[in-house]
Protein backbone atom coordinates (compact mmCIF):
# COMPACT_ATOMS: atom_id res chain seq x y z
CA MET A 1 16.67 37.56 -12.35
CA VAL A 2 17.69 36.07 -9.02
CA GLU A 3 13.95 35.68 -8.22
CA GLU A 4 13.37 33.71 -11.43
CA LYS A 5 16.17 31.34 -10.67
CA LYS A 6 14.77 30.59 -7.10
CA LYS A 7 11.21 29.97 -8.54
CA ARG A 8 12.29 27.73 -11.28
CA PRO A 9 12.46 24.05 -10.02
CA ASN A 10 15.36 21.77 -10.63
CA LYS A 11 13.71 18.79 -12.14
CA VAL A 12 16.70 16.49 -11.92
CA LYS A 13 17.11 17.47 -8.12
CA ASP A 14 13.41 16.73 -7.69
CA TRP A 15 13.61 13.37 -9.36
CA ALA A 16 16.66 12.26 -7.45
CA PHE A 17 14.83 13.19 -4.26
CA LYS A 18 11.81 11.18 -5.25
CA VAL A 19 13.79 8.23 -6.16
CA ALA A 20 15.79 8.21 -2.94
CA LYS A 21 12.73 8.54 -0.88
CA ALA A 22 11.00 5.72 -2.78
CA THR A 23 14.27 3.62 -2.46
CA ILE A 24 14.46 4.20 1.34
CA LYS A 25 10.75 3.52 1.94
CA ALA A 26 10.80 0.38 -0.04
CA THR A 27 13.99 -0.78 1.55
CA LEU A 28 12.48 -0.25 5.06
CA VAL A 29 9.15 -2.22 4.15
CA TYR A 30 11.12 -5.10 2.74
CA LEU A 31 13.44 -5.11 5.79
CA LEU A 32 10.39 -5.28 8.07
CA TYR A 33 9.09 -8.17 5.96
CA PHE A 34 12.43 -9.91 6.05
CA VAL A 35 12.61 -9.55 9.91
CA LEU A 36 8.97 -10.71 10.33
CA SER A 37 9.02 -13.56 7.74
CA PRO A 38 10.49 -16.23 10.21
CA TYR A 39 7.63 -15.63 12.51
CA LEU A 40 5.20 -16.45 9.52
CA THR A 41 6.83 -19.78 8.69
CA VAL A 42 4.93 -21.38 11.61
CA LEU A 43 1.52 -20.37 9.79
CA SER A 44 2.87 -21.42 6.43
CA ALA A 45 3.51 -24.89 7.76
CA LEU A 46 -0.26 -25.00 8.98
CA SER A 47 -1.72 -23.37 5.82
CA PRO A 48 -0.19 -24.38 2.50
CA GLY A 49 0.37 -21.30 0.21
CA PHE A 50 0.27 -18.85 3.02
CA ALA A 51 3.90 -17.75 2.41
CA GLU A 52 3.46 -17.20 -1.25
CA THR A 53 0.22 -15.10 -0.76
CA VAL A 54 2.09 -12.97 1.75
CA GLN A 55 5.06 -12.54 -0.61
CA LEU A 56 2.69 -11.34 -3.30
CA PHE A 57 0.92 -8.93 -1.06
CA VAL A 58 4.36 -7.51 0.04
CA ALA A 59 5.68 -7.21 -3.59
CA VAL A 60 2.55 -5.61 -5.01
CA THR A 61 2.40 -3.22 -1.93
CA ILE A 62 5.93 -2.27 -2.44
CA VAL A 63 5.60 -1.62 -6.27
CA LEU A 64 2.45 0.50 -5.66
CA MET A 65 4.28 2.50 -2.93
CA ILE A 66 7.21 3.08 -5.25
CA LEU A 67 5.03 4.25 -8.22
CA SER A 68 3.16 6.49 -5.86
CA ASP A 69 6.28 8.07 -4.41
CA LEU A 70 7.58 8.66 -7.95
CA THR A 71 4.42 10.28 -8.97
CA ALA A 72 4.23 12.56 -6.02
CA ASN A 73 2.50 15.92 -6.62
CA THR A 74 0.42 14.43 -9.59
CA ILE A 75 -3.00 13.09 -10.08
CA TYR A 76 -1.55 9.79 -10.67
CA GLN A 77 -0.28 9.57 -7.04
CA CYS A 78 -3.96 9.81 -5.98
CA PHE A 79 -4.98 6.82 -8.39
CA LEU A 80 -2.00 4.57 -7.27
CA ASN A 81 -3.10 5.31 -3.73
CA ALA A 82 -6.55 4.34 -4.44
CA GLY A 83 -5.35 1.23 -6.32
CA ARG A 84 -3.31 0.19 -3.19
CA ALA A 85 -6.23 0.64 -0.95
CA LEU A 86 -8.50 -1.40 -3.27
CA PHE A 87 -5.78 -4.08 -3.62
CA THR A 88 -5.51 -4.18 0.20
CA ILE A 89 -9.34 -4.85 0.47
CA ALA A 90 -9.27 -7.38 -2.35
CA TYR A 91 -6.38 -9.21 -0.75
CA LEU A 92 -8.28 -9.49 2.53
CA VAL A 93 -11.31 -10.75 0.81
CA PHE A 94 -9.05 -13.38 -1.10
CA ALA A 95 -7.01 -14.45 1.90
CA LEU A 96 -9.67 -14.54 4.56
CA GLY A 97 -12.66 -15.57 2.49
CA ASP A 98 -15.56 -15.62 4.91
CA GLY A 99 -13.53 -14.72 7.95
CA VAL A 100 -13.42 -18.18 9.65
CA LEU A 101 -10.03 -19.90 9.64
CA ASN A 102 -9.95 -23.74 10.21
CA VAL A 103 -6.57 -25.41 10.93
CA SER A 104 -6.33 -29.22 11.42
CA TYR A 105 -3.29 -31.10 12.54
CA GLU A 106 -3.58 -34.69 13.31
CA SER A 107 -6.24 -35.05 15.90
CA PHE A 108 -6.31 -31.32 16.91
CA SER A 109 -8.70 -29.12 15.11
CA LEU A 110 -8.64 -25.35 15.60
CA THR A 111 -11.36 -22.92 14.25
CA VAL A 112 -10.83 -19.07 14.46
CA ASN A 113 -13.40 -16.59 13.77
CA LEU A 114 -11.68 -13.63 12.35
CA THR A 115 -14.67 -11.63 11.19
CA ALA A 116 -14.18 -8.82 13.62
CA PHE A 117 -10.64 -8.39 12.32
CA TYR A 118 -11.77 -8.77 8.74
CA GLY A 119 -14.42 -5.96 9.27
CA ILE A 120 -11.95 -3.63 10.87
CA ALA A 121 -9.31 -4.18 8.21
CA ALA A 122 -11.89 -3.77 5.47
CA LEU A 123 -13.04 -0.36 6.94
CA LEU A 124 -9.32 0.80 7.34
CA GLY A 125 -8.95 -0.05 3.60
CA LEU A 126 -12.18 1.91 2.87
CA LEU A 127 -10.79 4.82 4.92
CA GLY A 128 -7.62 4.75 2.65
CA LEU A 129 -9.61 4.71 -0.41
CA ALA A 130 -11.77 7.67 0.87
CA ARG A 131 -8.56 9.51 1.83
CA SER A 132 -7.14 9.06 -1.74
CA VAL A 133 -10.36 10.24 -3.40
CA LEU A 134 -10.32 13.32 -1.14
CA GLN A 135 -6.69 13.91 -2.15
CA ALA A 136 -7.58 13.72 -5.73
CA ILE A 137 -10.50 16.32 -5.18
CA ASN A 138 -8.11 18.48 -3.33
CA PHE A 139 -5.36 18.27 -6.04
CA MET A 140 -7.89 19.13 -8.70
CA SER A 141 -9.40 22.15 -6.75
CA GLU A 142 -5.76 23.46 -6.15
CA ARG A 143 -5.03 23.19 -9.81
CA ALA A 144 -8.20 25.00 -10.65
CA GLU A 145 -7.43 27.77 -8.18
CA THR A 146 -3.86 28.31 -9.70
CA GLY A 147 -5.03 28.02 -13.11
CA ILE A 148 -2.51 25.19 -13.93
CA LYS A 149 -3.83 22.40 -16.22
CA PRO A 150 -3.73 18.90 -14.58
């Protein structure tokens, strides 16, 4: 009888832990954005719409991170992690375009080639996508070994 009580999970306690973990992680990410956002105002003055796209990226990333934490130990966590990786790649494609950034200010023109950064960031996004696919495969194989339906 005592062993049955130890094995039986407390769902309320588990959900409270998941919510607390997701809240702390989201708060830390938003505080990091809040600390770094004054440094990005210089870039938003040179490139119109930059601040809004960064805010959108941070908001979507935080939402996907919270949902991923709340669905921990389920197959949905793998799907949400894959979605976050795909969103990161899509955001880079949208924000950087061809990888060349042109900034003009009065008689000064600056052209920066960011294709190397673009390639590295896209490969890191693909690495995150591959990681989430492998996590999904591992999750399903563990479920098959234990006989639990997913």
